[in-house]
Amino acid sequence: MPKNGLSRETVYRWIRRVEAAMYSALADRPPRRRG
C-alpha cells in the first residue's frame, strides 16, 4: 500500500472487482470476462 494512499487505478480495479462479483451474484450466472 502506497503511503499516499490508494491510487485511482487501484480503487477503480477494486470497484471493478466488487461490481463484477456483485453483478455475477445478483445475475446468478458466471462472471463475464472482458476480451
N, C-alpha and C. Protein backbone atom coordinates (compact mmCIF):
# COMPACT_ATOMS: atom_id res chain seq x y z
N MET A 1 0.84 -1.20 0.00
CA MET A 1 0.00 0.00 0.00
C MET A 1 0.87 1.25 0.00
N PRO A 2 0.70 2.11 -0.97
CA PRO A 2 1.49 3.35 -1.03
C PRO A 2 1.20 4.25 0.14
N LYS A 3 2.20 5.01 0.56
CA LYS A 3 1.99 5.91 1.70
C LYS A 3 0.97 6.99 1.35
N ASN A 4 0.90 7.36 0.10
CA ASN A 4 -0.05 8.40 -0.31
C ASN A 4 -1.48 7.91 -0.15
N GLY A 5 -1.65 6.59 -0.09
CA GLY A 5 -2.99 6.03 -0.03
C GLY A 5 -3.26 5.23 -1.30
N LEU A 6 -4.51 4.92 -1.53
CA LEU A 6 -4.85 4.14 -2.71
C LEU A 6 -4.93 5.04 -3.93
N SER A 7 -4.26 4.62 -4.99
CA SER A 7 -4.30 5.41 -6.22
C SER A 7 -5.63 5.18 -6.92
N ARG A 8 -5.97 6.08 -7.82
CA ARG A 8 -7.26 5.95 -8.52
C ARG A 8 -7.32 4.63 -9.26
N GLU A 9 -6.22 4.24 -9.89
CA GLU A 9 -6.22 2.98 -10.64
C GLU A 9 -6.54 1.81 -9.71
N THR A 10 -5.91 1.80 -8.53
CA THR A 10 -6.16 0.70 -7.59
C THR A 10 -7.62 0.70 -7.16
N VAL A 11 -8.13 1.89 -6.84
CA VAL A 11 -9.53 1.98 -6.41
C VAL A 11 -10.45 1.50 -7.52
N TYR A 12 -10.17 1.93 -8.75
CA TYR A 12 -11.00 1.52 -9.88
C TYR A 12 -10.96 0.01 -10.04
N ARG A 13 -9.76 -0.57 -9.90
CA ARG A 13 -9.65 -2.03 -10.03
C ARG A 13 -10.49 -2.72 -8.97
N TRP A 14 -10.42 -2.20 -7.73
CA TRP A 14 -11.19 -2.80 -6.65
C TRP A 14 -12.68 -2.68 -6.95
N ILE A 15 -13.11 -1.48 -7.37
CA ILE A 15 -14.53 -1.28 -7.68
C ILE A 15 -14.97 -2.24 -8.77
N ARG A 16 -14.14 -2.38 -9.79
CA ARG A 16 -14.46 -3.29 -10.89
C ARG A 16 -14.65 -4.70 -10.35
N ARG A 17 -13.72 -5.13 -9.49
CA ARG A 17 -13.81 -6.49 -8.95
C ARG A 17 -15.08 -6.66 -8.12
N VAL A 18 -15.33 -5.70 -7.24
CA VAL A 18 -16.52 -5.79 -6.38
C VAL A 18 -17.78 -5.77 -7.23
N GLU A 19 -17.84 -4.84 -8.18
CA GLU A 19 -19.03 -4.76 -9.03
C GLU A 19 -19.23 -6.06 -9.80
N ALA A 20 -18.16 -6.58 -10.36
CA ALA A 20 -18.26 -7.83 -11.13
C ALA A 20 -18.77 -8.95 -10.23
N ALA A 21 -18.24 -9.04 -9.03
CA ALA A 21 -18.67 -10.10 -8.11
C ALA A 21 -20.14 -9.92 -7.75
N MET A 22 -20.52 -8.68 -7.42
CA MET A 22 -21.91 -8.43 -7.03
C MET A 22 -22.86 -8.70 -8.20
N TYR A 23 -22.48 -8.21 -9.38
CA TYR A 23 -23.35 -8.42 -10.54
C TYR A 23 -23.50 -9.90 -10.84
N SER A 24 -22.38 -10.64 -10.81
CA SER A 24 -22.44 -12.07 -11.10
C SER A 24 -23.31 -12.78 -10.07
N ALA A 25 -23.20 -12.34 -8.81
CA ALA A 25 -24.01 -12.96 -7.75
C ALA A 25 -25.49 -12.63 -7.96
N LEU A 26 -25.77 -11.36 -8.29
CA LEU A 26 -27.17 -10.96 -8.47
C LEU A 26 -27.75 -11.62 -9.72
N ALA A 27 -26.96 -11.68 -10.78
CA ALA A 27 -27.44 -12.27 -12.02
C ALA A 27 -27.50 -13.80 -11.90
N ASP A 28 -26.79 -14.34 -10.88
CA ASP A 28 -26.77 -15.79 -10.67
C ASP A 28 -26.28 -16.49 -11.93
N ARG A 29 -25.24 -15.92 -12.52
CA ARG A 29 -24.66 -16.53 -13.71
C ARG A 29 -23.15 -16.30 -13.67
N PRO A 30 -22.37 -17.10 -14.39
CA PRO A 30 -20.91 -16.96 -14.36
C PRO A 30 -20.49 -15.56 -14.77
N PRO A 31 -19.44 -15.01 -14.14
CA PRO A 31 -18.97 -13.66 -14.45
C PRO A 31 -18.47 -13.56 -15.88
N ARG A 32 -18.72 -12.42 -16.50
CA ARG A 32 -18.28 -12.22 -17.89
C ARG A 32 -16.82 -11.78 -17.90
N ARG A 33 -16.04 -12.39 -18.77
CA ARG A 33 -14.63 -12.00 -18.87
C ARG A 33 -14.47 -11.10 -20.08
N ARG A 34 -13.88 -9.92 -19.84
CA ARG A 34 -13.70 -8.97 -20.95
C ARG A 34 -12.59 -9.46 -21.85
N GLY A 35 -12.79 -9.33 -23.17
CA GLY A 35 -11.75 -9.76 -24.09
C GLY A 35 -12.22 -9.50 -25.50
